[in-house]
Amino acid sequence: MNYNSGDQFFKKALERLNERAKELNCLYHIEEILHIENQSLEHLFGKIIETIPPGWQYPTICEVRIVFEGKNFQSADFKETEWTQRADIIVDNNMAGFVEVVYTQLIKLVNNSQFLAEEQKLLNSIAHTISDHIFSRRVKSSIEMLQASWHEENEMTEPILGPTSDEHWKWRFRMAQLIASRLDSTRFGVKAVYLLGSVKNATSGPGSDIDLMIHFVGSAEQKLQLLAWFEGWSLCLAEMNFMKTGYRTDQLLDIHIKTDEDILQKDSFTVKINAVNDPARLLPMMLKKSL
């Protein structure tokens, strides 16, 4: 047996695992940055620019630039080079900018590139996460402005909807259908979306959640993106509910992520798939594939 050959194999395997760990750690840190409230985009982009290089193979020569709506944010030593990769920032189906990573010098080319294939995937994930965050904060800001304007004009003293109105479940049901129809199954690694609980059973009150069970088959990165995407919807729907009822909740979606293994084990939620009594309701998802 060639022990040197075995040592090389395990060394390369360990190197690959270390790179994947760095990439996941980078994405987790960016998620943490995006959860900090009341920060300007300039501050947010600055933190992301600092966080990206440690996730790449050669962090000491890695520089980052974010261009958003004509404004440029970049690391101190950024310069354009031939060793570059980028991913677009898409907000509300419009290209608003991009995230760009460059190496400032040549270390080693593999297949005519200094970048690992996984690094482009990671950069795409980062750009998607930024896009979802900006879209969510703008929707939330718009709703808050409408809410303030509505209060000024109407001086509301009583909720629009009473506690027993059937409109509580009806508008929640419409929103659940809308969310599922906008969910890109390829991008987020989702196989199916099911509606559960009071909305499905038409018994919702002013403080009721929208319970969604997600059959998830994606990666850890996709799960982070998916939860961030749902959080944006949840915050916005909570504001809508407050405007409709005067009832304040932090979020309105209750998301239950379930894997193939969970479905095989038939836990308290997945047992409702195709159940005879109180079955989960399957919601149609987006038909087109992610670009």
C-alpha atoms as a PDB file:
ATOM      1  CA  MET A   1       0.000   0.000   0.000  1.00  0.00           C
ATOM      2  CA  ASN A   2       1.229   3.477  -0.900  1.00  0.00           C
ATOM      3  CA  TYR A   3       0.912   5.442   2.346  1.00  0.00           C
ATOM      4  CA  ASN A   4       2.029   8.691   0.720  1.00  0.00           C
ATOM      5  CA  SER A   5      -0.828   8.399  -1.748  1.00  0.00           C
ATOM      6  CA  GLY A   6      -3.295   7.827   1.119  1.00  0.00           C
ATOM      7  CA  ASP A   7      -1.919  10.774   3.044  1.00  0.00           C
ATOM      8  CA  GLN A   8      -2.339  12.994  -0.001  1.00  0.00           C
ATOM      9  CA  PHE A   9      -5.935  11.854  -0.434  1.00  0.00           C
ATOM     10  CA  PHE A  10      -6.856  12.652   3.160  1.00  0.00           C
ATOM     11  CA  LYS A  11      -4.969  15.953   2.995  1.00  0.00           C
ATOM     12  CA  LYS A  12      -6.933  17.047  -0.068  1.00  0.00           C
ATOM     13  CA  ALA A  13     -10.215  15.878   1.498  1.00  0.00           C
ATOM     14  CA  LEU A  14      -9.428  17.873   4.644  1.00  0.00           C
ATOM     15  CA  GLU A  15      -8.596  20.945   2.560  1.00  0.00           C
ATOM     16  CA  ARG A  16     -11.955  20.676   0.762  1.00  0.00           C
ATOM     17  CA  LEU A  17     -13.804  20.347   4.075  1.00  0.00           C
ATOM     18  CA  ASN A  18     -11.974  23.370   5.479  1.00  0.00           C
ATOM     19  CA  GLU A  19     -12.963  25.436   2.428  1.00  0.00           C
ATOM     20  CA  ARG A  20     -16.635  24.441   2.786  1.00  0.00           C
ATOM     21  CA  ALA A  21     -16.512  25.335   6.486  1.00  0.00           C
ATOM     22  CA  LYS A  22     -15.055  28.761   5.654  1.00  0.00           C
ATOM     23  CA  GLU A  23     -17.791  29.344   3.071  1.00  0.00           C
ATOM     24  CA  LEU A  24     -20.622  28.402   5.429  1.00  0.00           C
ATOM     25  CA  ASN A  25     -19.105  30.517   8.199  1.00  0.00           C
ATOM     26  CA  CYS A  26     -18.964  33.474   5.810  1.00  0.00           C
ATOM     27  CA  LEU A  27     -22.637  33.070   4.905  1.00  0.00           C
ATOM     28  CA  TYR A  28     -23.688  32.718   8.558  1.00  0.00           C
ATOM     29  CA  HIS A  29     -21.831  35.926   9.460  1.00  0.00           C
ATOM     30  CA  ILE A  30     -23.534  37.807   6.638  1.00  0.00           C
ATOM     31  CA  GLU A  31     -26.918  36.558   7.865  1.00  0.00           C
ATOM     32  CA  GLU A  32     -26.035  37.903  11.328  1.00  0.00           C
ATOM     33  CA  ILE A  33     -25.106  41.295   9.833  1.00  0.00           C
ATOM     34  CA  LEU A  34     -28.420  41.496   7.964  1.00  0.00           C
ATOM     35  CA  HIS A  35     -30.348  40.849  11.178  1.00  0.00           C
ATOM     36  CA  ILE A  36     -28.983  44.007  12.830  1.00  0.00           C
ATOM     37  CA  GLU A  37     -31.848  46.497  12.821  1.00  0.00           C
ATOM     38  CA  ASN A  38     -31.819  50.189  11.895  1.00  0.00           C
ATOM     39  CA  GLN A  39     -28.482  50.156  10.069  1.00  0.00           C
ATOM     40  CA  SER A  40     -27.858  52.159   6.915  1.00  0.00           C
ATOM     41  CA  LEU A  41     -27.076  50.401   3.649  1.00  0.00           C
ATOM     42  CA  GLU A  42     -23.645  52.030   3.705  1.00  0.00           C
ATOM     43  CA  HIS A  43     -22.867  50.456   7.101  1.00  0.00           C
ATOM     44  CA  LEU A  44     -24.373  47.114   6.030  1.00  0.00           C
ATOM     45  CA  PHE A  45     -22.323  46.972   2.824  1.00  0.00           C
ATOM     46  CA  GLY A  46     -19.163  47.903   4.724  1.00  0.00           C
ATOM     47  CA  LYS A  47     -19.636  45.002   7.140  1.00  0.00           C
ATOM     48  CA  ILE A  48     -20.341  42.557   4.296  1.00  0.00           C
ATOM     49  CA  ILE A  49     -17.218  43.704   2.439  1.00  0.00           C
ATOM     50  CA  GLU A  50     -15.154  42.937   5.567  1.00  0.00           C
ATOM     51  CA  THR A  51     -16.808  39.524   5.985  1.00  0.00           C
ATOM     52  CA  ILE A  52     -16.366  38.125   2.476  1.00  0.00           C
ATOM     53  CA  PRO A  53     -12.543  37.667   2.125  1.00  0.00           C
ATOM     54  CA  PRO A  54     -12.150  35.110   4.980  1.00  0.00           C
ATOM     55  CA  GLY A  55     -14.596  32.859   3.105  1.00  0.00           C
ATOM     56  CA  TRP A  56     -12.374  32.706   0.020  1.00  0.00           C
ATOM     57  CA  GLN A  57      -9.367  30.508  -0.712  1.00  0.00           C
ATOM     58  CA  TYR A  58      -6.801  33.347  -0.659  1.00  0.00           C
ATOM     59  CA  PRO A  59      -8.136  35.947   1.810  1.00  0.00           C
ATOM     60  CA  THR A  60      -4.943  38.018   2.016  1.00  0.00           C
ATOM     61  CA  ILE A  61      -5.173  39.050  -1.656  1.00  0.00           C
ATOM     62  CA  CYS A  62      -8.984  39.114  -1.801  1.00  0.00           C
ATOM     63  CA  GLU A  63     -10.730  42.479  -2.246  1.00  0.00           C
ATOM     64  CA  VAL A  64     -14.445  43.231  -2.554  1.00  0.00           C
ATOM     65  CA  ARG A  65     -16.646  45.817  -4.206  1.00  0.00           C
ATOM     66  CA  ILE A  66     -20.407  46.331  -3.980  1.00  0.00           C
ATOM     67  CA  VAL A  67     -22.073  48.577  -6.538  1.00  0.00           C
ATOM     68  CA  PHE A  68     -25.682  49.413  -5.692  1.00  0.00           C
ATOM     69  CA  GLU A  69     -27.937  51.849  -7.541  1.00  0.00           C
ATOM     70  CA  GLY A  70     -24.968  53.754  -8.946  1.00  0.00           C
ATOM     71  CA  LYS A  71     -23.083  54.005  -5.630  1.00  0.00           C
ATOM     72  CA  ASN A  72     -19.750  52.293  -5.103  1.00  0.00           C
ATOM     73  CA  PHE A  73     -18.666  50.591  -1.847  1.00  0.00           C
ATOM     74  CA  GLN A  74     -15.313  48.812  -1.780  1.00  0.00           C
ATOM     75  CA  SER A  75     -12.469  47.549   0.390  1.00  0.00           C
ATOM     76  CA  ALA A  76      -9.510  49.865   0.882  1.00  0.00           C
ATOM     77  CA  ASP A  77      -7.147  48.053  -1.503  1.00  0.00           C
ATOM     78  CA  PHE A  78      -9.687  47.144  -4.168  1.00  0.00           C
ATOM     79  CA  LYS A  79      -8.542  47.400  -7.766  1.00  0.00           C
ATOM     80  CA  GLU A  80      -9.795  45.924 -10.993  1.00  0.00           C
ATOM     81  CA  THR A  81      -7.808  42.885 -12.117  1.00  0.00           C
ATOM     82  CA  GLU A  82      -8.178  40.012 -14.562  1.00  0.00           C
ATOM     83  CA  TRP A  83      -8.982  37.648 -11.663  1.00  0.00           C
ATOM     84  CA  THR A  84     -12.536  38.641 -10.859  1.00  0.00           C
ATOM     85  CA  GLN A  85     -15.997  37.202 -10.265  1.00  0.00           C
ATOM     86  CA  ARG A  86     -19.329  38.873  -9.626  1.00  0.00           C
ATOM     87  CA  ALA A  87     -23.002  38.213  -8.858  1.00  0.00           C
ATOM     88  CA  ASP A  88     -25.949  40.510  -9.530  1.00  0.00           C
ATOM     89  CA  ILE A  89     -28.133  42.114  -6.870  1.00  0.00           C
ATOM     90  CA  ILE A  90     -31.747  41.808  -8.048  1.00  0.00           C
ATOM     91  CA  VAL A  91     -34.416  43.783  -6.188  1.00  0.00           C
ATOM     92  CA  ASP A  92     -38.057  43.335  -7.179  1.00  0.00           C
ATOM     93  CA  ASN A  93     -37.013  41.715 -10.488  1.00  0.00           C
ATOM     94  CA  ASN A  94     -34.751  44.667 -11.395  1.00  0.00           C
ATOM     95  CA  MET A  95     -30.946  44.611 -11.503  1.00  0.00           C
ATOM     96  CA  ALA A  96     -29.898  47.093  -8.812  1.00  0.00           C
ATOM     97  CA  GLY A  97     -26.164  46.360  -8.703  1.00  0.00           C
ATOM     98  CA  PHE A  98     -23.631  43.611  -8.096  1.00  0.00           C
ATOM     99  CA  VAL A  99     -21.127  42.140  -5.651  1.00  0.00           C
ATOM    100  CA  GLU A 100     -17.626  41.686  -7.059  1.00  0.00           C
ATOM    101  CA  VAL A 101     -14.672  39.750  -5.644  1.00  0.00           C
ATOM    102  CA  VAL A 102     -11.139  40.107  -7.076  1.00  0.00           C
ATOM    103  CA  TYR A 103      -7.719  38.667  -6.414  1.00  0.00           C
ATOM    104  CA  THR A 104      -5.010  41.311  -6.654  1.00  0.00           C
ATOM    105  CA  GLN A 105      -2.261  38.928  -7.755  1.00  0.00           C
ATOM    106  CA  LEU A 106      -1.771  35.490  -9.278  1.00  0.00           C
ATOM    107  CA  ILE A 107      -1.119  32.547  -6.969  1.00  0.00           C
ATOM    108  CA  LYS A 108      -2.317  29.489  -8.896  1.00  0.00           C
ATOM    109  CA  LEU A 109      -4.658  28.836 -11.818  1.00  0.00           C
ATOM    110  CA  VAL A 110      -6.891  25.766 -11.914  1.00  0.00           C
ATOM    111  CA  ASN A 111      -8.917  25.342 -15.115  1.00  0.00           C
ATOM    112  CA  ASN A 112      -7.940  28.892 -16.136  1.00  0.00           C
ATOM    113  CA  SER A 113      -9.273  30.412 -12.917  1.00  0.00           C
ATOM    114  CA  GLN A 114      -7.992  31.272  -9.449  1.00  0.00           C
ATOM    115  CA  PHE A 115     -11.494  30.872  -8.049  1.00  0.00           C
ATOM    116  CA  LEU A 116     -13.092  27.646  -6.872  1.00  0.00           C
ATOM    117  CA  ALA A 117     -16.432  26.716  -8.444  1.00  0.00           C
ATOM    118  CA  GLU A 118     -17.915  26.715  -4.924  1.00  0.00           C
ATOM    119  CA  GLU A 119     -16.808  30.333  -4.446  1.00  0.00           C
ATOM    120  CA  GLN A 120     -18.990  31.490  -7.332  1.00  0.00           C
ATOM    121  CA  LYS A 121     -21.914  29.601  -5.794  1.00  0.00           C
ATOM    122  CA  LEU A 122     -21.174  31.273  -2.461  1.00  0.00           C
ATOM    123  CA  LEU A 123     -21.037  34.702  -4.104  1.00  0.00           C
ATOM    124  CA  ASN A 124     -24.378  34.004  -5.806  1.00  0.00           C
ATOM    125  CA  SER A 125     -25.845  33.063  -2.417  1.00  0.00           C
ATOM    126  CA  ILE A 126     -24.514  36.261  -0.838  1.00  0.00           C
ATOM    127  CA  ALA A 127     -25.974  38.391  -3.642  1.00  0.00           C
ATOM    128  CA  HIS A 128     -29.351  36.608  -3.340  1.00  0.00           C
ATOM    129  CA  THR A 129     -29.356  37.167   0.426  1.00  0.00           C
ATOM    130  CA  ILE A 130     -28.569  40.875   0.029  1.00  0.00           C
ATOM    131  CA  SER A 131     -31.295  41.176  -2.628  1.00  0.00           C
ATOM    132  CA  ASP A 132     -33.928  39.582  -0.383  1.00  0.00           C
ATOM    133  CA  HIS A 133     -32.919  41.741   2.581  1.00  0.00           C
ATOM    134  CA  ILE A 134     -33.144  45.007   0.631  1.00  0.00           C
ATOM    135  CA  PHE A 135     -36.486  44.023  -0.901  1.00  0.00           C
ATOM    136  CA  SER A 136     -37.883  43.118   2.535  1.00  0.00           C
ATOM    137  CA  ARG A 137     -36.724  46.336   4.224  1.00  0.00           C
ATOM    138  CA  ARG A 138     -38.174  48.450   1.407  1.00  0.00           C
ATOM    139  CA  VAL A 139     -41.519  46.690   1.528  1.00  0.00           C
ATOM    140  CA  LYS A 140     -41.583  47.091   5.303  1.00  0.00           C
ATOM    141  CA  SER A 141     -40.666  50.784   4.987  1.00  0.00           C
ATOM    142  CA  SER A 142     -43.433  51.322   2.427  1.00  0.00           C
ATOM    143  CA  ILE A 143     -45.988  49.640   4.666  1.00  0.00           C
ATOM    144  CA  GLU A 144     -44.902  51.734   7.669  1.00  0.00           C
ATOM    145  CA  MET A 145     -45.233  54.920   5.606  1.00  0.00           C
ATOM    146  CA  LEU A 146     -48.694  53.887   4.433  1.00  0.00           C
ATOM    147  CA  GLN A 147     -49.643  52.981   7.979  1.00  0.00           C
ATOM    148  CA  ALA A 148     -48.529  56.372   9.325  1.00  0.00           C
ATOM    149  CA  SER A 149     -50.329  58.187   6.529  1.00  0.00           C
ATOM    150  CA  TRP A 150     -53.463  56.133   7.083  1.00  0.00           C
ATOM    151  CA  HIS A 151     -53.472  56.909  10.814  1.00  0.00           C
ATOM    152  CA  GLU A 152     -53.076  60.625  10.162  1.00  0.00           C
ATOM    153  CA  GLU A 153     -55.937  60.703   7.680  1.00  0.00           C
ATOM    154  CA  ASN A 154     -58.355  58.457   9.530  1.00  0.00           C
ATOM    155  CA  GLU A 155     -57.416  58.857  13.223  1.00  0.00           C
ATOM    156  CA  MET A 156     -58.411  55.254  13.759  1.00  0.00           C
ATOM    157  CA  THR A 157     -59.880  54.482  17.176  1.00  0.00           C
ATOM    158  CA  GLU A 158     -61.386  51.072  16.345  1.00  0.00           C
ATOM    159  CA  PRO A 159     -59.929  48.213  14.291  1.00  0.00           C
ATOM    160  CA  ILE A 160     -61.228  47.823  10.733  1.00  0.00           C
ATOM    161  CA  LEU A 161     -61.968  44.138  11.249  1.00  0.00           C
ATOM    162  CA  GLY A 162     -63.773  42.828  14.296  1.00  0.00           C
ATOM    163  CA  PRO A 163     -62.417  39.817  16.220  1.00  0.00           C
ATOM    164  CA  THR A 164     -64.934  37.407  14.648  1.00  0.00           C
ATOM    165  CA  SER A 165     -64.719  38.583  11.027  1.00  0.00           C
ATOM    166  CA  ASP A 166     -64.212  35.799   8.471  1.00  0.00           C
ATOM    167  CA  GLU A 167     -61.918  38.169   6.572  1.00  0.00           C
ATOM    168  CA  HIS A 168     -59.118  37.200   9.002  1.00  0.00           C
ATOM    169  CA  TRP A 169     -58.680  33.765   7.448  1.00  0.00           C
ATOM    170  CA  LYS A 170     -59.603  34.881   3.933  1.00  0.00           C
ATOM    171  CA  TRP A 171     -56.852  37.467   3.502  1.00  0.00           C
ATOM    172  CA  ARG A 172     -54.333  35.178   5.231  1.00  0.00           C
ATOM    173  CA  PHE A 173     -55.273  32.395   2.823  1.00  0.00           C
ATOM    174  CA  ARG A 174     -54.786  34.717  -0.173  1.00  0.00           C
ATOM    175  CA  MET A 175     -51.361  35.724   1.164  1.00  0.00           C
ATOM    176  CA  ALA A 176     -50.361  32.072   1.697  1.00  0.00           C
ATOM    177  CA  GLN A 177     -51.262  31.337  -1.914  1.00  0.00           C
ATOM    178  CA  LEU A 178     -49.323  34.395  -3.094  1.00  0.00           C
ATOM    179  CA  ILE A 179     -46.204  33.449  -1.096  1.00  0.00           C
ATOM    180  CA  ALA A 180     -46.208  29.904  -2.484  1.00  0.00           C
ATOM    181  CA  SER A 181     -46.690  31.193  -6.033  1.00  0.00           C
ATOM    182  CA  ARG A 182     -43.650  33.478  -5.648  1.00  0.00           C
ATOM    183  CA  LEU A 183     -41.407  30.801  -4.105  1.00  0.00           C
ATOM    184  CA  ASP A 184     -38.723  29.653  -6.552  1.00  0.00           C
ATOM    185  CA  SER A 185     -38.377  25.947  -5.751  1.00  0.00           C
ATOM    186  CA  THR A 186     -35.096  25.540  -7.655  1.00  0.00           C
ATOM    187  CA  ARG A 187     -33.381  28.477  -6.004  1.00  0.00           C
ATOM    188  CA  PHE A 188     -34.453  27.607  -2.454  1.00  0.00           C
ATOM    189  CA  GLY A 189     -34.463  23.787  -2.613  1.00  0.00           C
ATOM    190  CA  VAL A 190     -38.164  23.412  -1.831  1.00  0.00           C
ATOM    191  CA  LYS A 191     -40.222  20.441  -3.016  1.00  0.00           C
ATOM    192  CA  ALA A 192     -43.625  21.442  -1.645  1.00  0.00           C
ATOM    193  CA  VAL A 193     -45.479  24.006   0.489  1.00  0.00           C
ATOM    194  CA  TYR A 194     -48.401  23.016   2.703  1.00  0.00           C
ATOM    195  CA  LEU A 195     -50.901  25.169   4.604  1.00  0.00           C
ATOM    196  CA  LEU A 196     -51.860  24.088   8.131  1.00  0.00           C
ATOM    197  CA  GLY A 197     -53.858  25.291  11.109  1.00  0.00           C
ATOM    198  CA  SER A 198     -56.472  28.005  11.511  1.00  0.00           C
ATOM    199  CA  VAL A 199     -56.023  29.577   8.080  1.00  0.00           C
ATOM    200  CA  LYS A 200     -56.607  26.250   6.334  1.00  0.00           C
ATOM    201  CA  ASN A 201     -59.545  25.534   8.615  1.00  0.00           C
ATOM    202  CA  ALA A 202     -61.065  29.023   8.165  1.00  0.00           C
ATOM    203  CA  THR A 203     -60.984  29.763  11.906  1.00  0.00           C
ATOM    204  CA  SER A 204     -58.337  32.494  12.111  1.00  0.00           C
ATOM    205  CA  GLY A 205     -58.644  35.431  14.500  1.00  0.00           C
ATOM    206  CA  PRO A 206     -56.827  38.787  14.501  1.00  0.00           C
ATOM    207  CA  GLY A 207     -53.708  37.321  16.168  1.00  0.00           C
ATOM    208  CA  SER A 208     -53.503  34.034  14.262  1.00  0.00           C
ATOM    209  CA  ASP A 209     -50.319  32.925  12.505  1.00  0.00           C
ATOM    210  CA  ILE A 210     -50.151  31.591   8.977  1.00  0.00           C
ATOM    211  CA  ASP A 211     -48.754  28.076   9.464  1.00  0.00           C
ATOM    212  CA  LEU A 212     -46.727  26.813   6.509  1.00  0.00           C
ATOM    213  CA  MET A 213     -44.975  23.460   6.320  1.00  0.00           C
ATOM    214  CA  ILE A 214     -42.070  23.403   3.857  1.00  0.00           C
ATOM    215  CA  HIS A 215     -40.822  20.157   2.332  1.00  0.00           C
ATOM    216  CA  PHE A 216     -37.162  21.124   2.050  1.00  0.00           C
ATOM    217  CA  VAL A 217     -34.553  19.220   0.000  1.00  0.00           C
ATOM    218  CA  GLY A 218     -31.844  21.880  -0.385  1.00  0.00           C
ATOM    219  CA  SER A 219     -28.482  22.745   1.131  1.00  0.00           C
ATOM    220  CA  ALA A 220     -27.606  24.599   4.330  1.00  0.00           C
ATOM    221  CA  GLU A 221     -26.982  27.763   2.304  1.00  0.00           C
ATOM    222  CA  GLN A 222     -30.390  27.463   0.612  1.00  0.00           C
ATOM    223  CA  LYS A 223     -32.045  27.003   3.998  1.00  0.00           C
ATOM    224  CA  LEU A 224     -30.531  30.256   5.276  1.00  0.00           C
ATOM    225  CA  GLN A 225     -31.719  32.108   2.175  1.00  0.00           C
ATOM    226  CA  LEU A 226     -35.174  30.548   2.430  1.00  0.00           C
ATOM    227  CA  LEU A 227     -35.619  31.555   6.084  1.00  0.00           C
ATOM    228  CA  ALA A 228     -34.477  35.113   5.307  1.00  0.00           C
ATOM    229  CA  TRP A 229     -36.967  35.262   2.428  1.00  0.00           C
ATOM    230  CA  PHE A 230     -39.807  34.084   4.673  1.00  0.00           C
ATOM    231  CA  GLU A 231     -38.787  36.529   7.404  1.00  0.00           C
ATOM    232  CA  GLY A 232     -39.258  39.440   5.004  1.00  0.00           C
ATOM    233  CA  TRP A 233     -42.754  38.270   4.135  1.00  0.00           C
ATOM    234  CA  SER A 234     -43.552  37.633   7.798  1.00  0.00           C
ATOM    235  CA  LEU A 235     -42.592  41.139   8.953  1.00  0.00           C
ATOM    236  CA  CYS A 236     -44.580  42.747   6.147  1.00  0.00           C
ATOM    237  CA  LEU A 237     -47.661  40.633   6.801  1.00  0.00           C
ATOM    238  CA  ALA A 238     -47.517  41.508  10.496  1.00  0.00           C
ATOM    239  CA  GLU A 239     -47.703  45.201   9.538  1.00  0.00           C
ATOM    240  CA  MET A 240     -50.625  44.505   7.203  1.00  0.00           C
ATOM    241  CA  ASN A 241     -52.422  42.666   9.990  1.00  0.00           C
ATOM    242  CA  PHE A 242     -51.878  45.596  12.347  1.00  0.00           C
ATOM    243  CA  MET A 243     -53.341  47.990   9.804  1.00  0.00           C
ATOM    244  CA  LYS A 244     -56.363  45.733   9.316  1.00  0.00           C
ATOM    245  CA  THR A 245     -57.029  44.895  12.971  1.00  0.00           C
ATOM    246  CA  GLY A 246     -55.001  47.075  15.328  1.00  0.00           C
ATOM    247  CA  TYR A 247     -53.535  43.813  16.690  1.00  0.00           C
ATOM    248  CA  ARG A 248     -49.732  43.922  16.995  1.00  0.00           C
ATOM    249  CA  THR A 249     -47.578  40.810  16.391  1.00  0.00           C
ATOM    250  CA  ASP A 250     -43.843  40.620  15.684  1.00  0.00           C
ATOM    251  CA  GLN A 251     -44.270  38.287  12.706  1.00  0.00           C
ATOM    252  CA  LEU A 252     -47.183  36.495  11.072  1.00  0.00           C
ATOM    253  CA  LEU A 253     -45.656  33.413   9.435  1.00  0.00           C
ATOM    254  CA  ASP A 254     -44.976  30.242  11.417  1.00  0.00           C
ATOM    255  CA  ILE A 255     -42.619  28.228   9.208  1.00  0.00           C
ATOM    256  CA  HIS A 256     -42.037  24.505   9.756  1.00  0.00           C
ATOM    257  CA  ILE A 257     -39.088  23.158   7.723  1.00  0.00           C
ATOM    258  CA  LYS A 258     -39.386  19.416   7.087  1.00  0.00           C
ATOM    259  CA  THR A 259     -36.974  17.090   5.289  1.00  0.00           C
ATOM    260  CA  ASP A 260     -37.485  13.734   3.546  1.00  0.00           C
ATOM    261  CA  GLU A 261     -36.424  12.045   6.778  1.00  0.00           C
ATOM    262  CA  ASP A 262     -39.026  13.994   8.802  1.00  0.00           C
ATOM    263  CA  ILE A 263     -41.727  12.932   6.350  1.00  0.00           C
ATOM    264  CA  LEU A 264     -40.694   9.278   6.599  1.00  0.00           C
ATOM    265  CA  GLN A 265     -40.819   9.482  10.406  1.00  0.00           C
ATOM    266  CA  LYS A 266     -44.299  11.095  10.267  1.00  0.00           C
ATOM    267  CA  ASP A 267     -43.945  13.650  13.057  1.00  0.00           C
ATOM    268  CA  SER A 268     -46.831  15.770  14.362  1.00  0.00           C
ATOM    269  CA  PHE A 269     -46.762  18.016  11.269  1.00  0.00           C
ATOM    270  CA  THR A 270     -45.774  15.722   8.395  1.00  0.00           C
ATOM    271  CA  VAL A 271     -48.360  13.136   9.419  1.00  0.00           C
ATOM    272  CA  LYS A 272     -50.924  15.613   8.070  1.00  0.00           C
ATOM    273  CA  ILE A 273     -49.691  15.130   4.489  1.00  0.00           C
ATOM    274  CA  ASN A 274     -52.440  13.126   2.736  1.00  0.00           C
ATOM    275  CA  ALA A 275     -54.110  12.510   6.119  1.00  0.00           C
ATOM    276  CA  VAL A 276     -57.782  11.511   6.236  1.00  0.00           C
ATOM    277  CA  ASN A 277     -58.589  13.906   9.080  1.00  0.00           C
ATOM    278  CA  ASP A 278     -57.440  17.543   9.007  1.00  0.00           C
ATOM    279  CA  PRO A 279     -55.005  17.073   6.097  1.00  0.00           C
ATOM    280  CA  ALA A 280     -52.397  19.684   5.158  1.00  0.00           C
ATOM    281  CA  ARG A 281     -53.348  21.701   2.066  1.00  0.00           C
ATOM    282  CA  LEU A 282     -50.804  21.647  -0.792  1.00  0.00           C
ATOM    283  CA  LEU A 283     -50.207  25.119  -2.270  1.00  0.00           C
ATOM    284  CA  PRO A 284     -49.094  25.608  -5.910  1.00  0.00           C
ATOM    285  CA  MET A 285     -45.553  26.978  -6.258  1.00  0.00           C
ATOM    286  CA  MET A 286     -43.746  29.019  -8.905  1.00  0.00           C
ATOM    287  CA  LEU A 287     -43.485  27.130 -12.176  1.00  0.00           C
ATOM    288  CA  LYS A 288     -40.471  28.855 -13.742  1.00  0.00           C
ATOM    289  CA  LYS A 289     -36.941  27.830 -12.879  1.00  0.00           C
ATOM    290  CA  SER A 290     -34.390  30.077 -11.176  1.00  0.00           C
ATOM    291  CA  LEU A 291     -32.014  31.875 -13.568  1.00  0.00           C
END
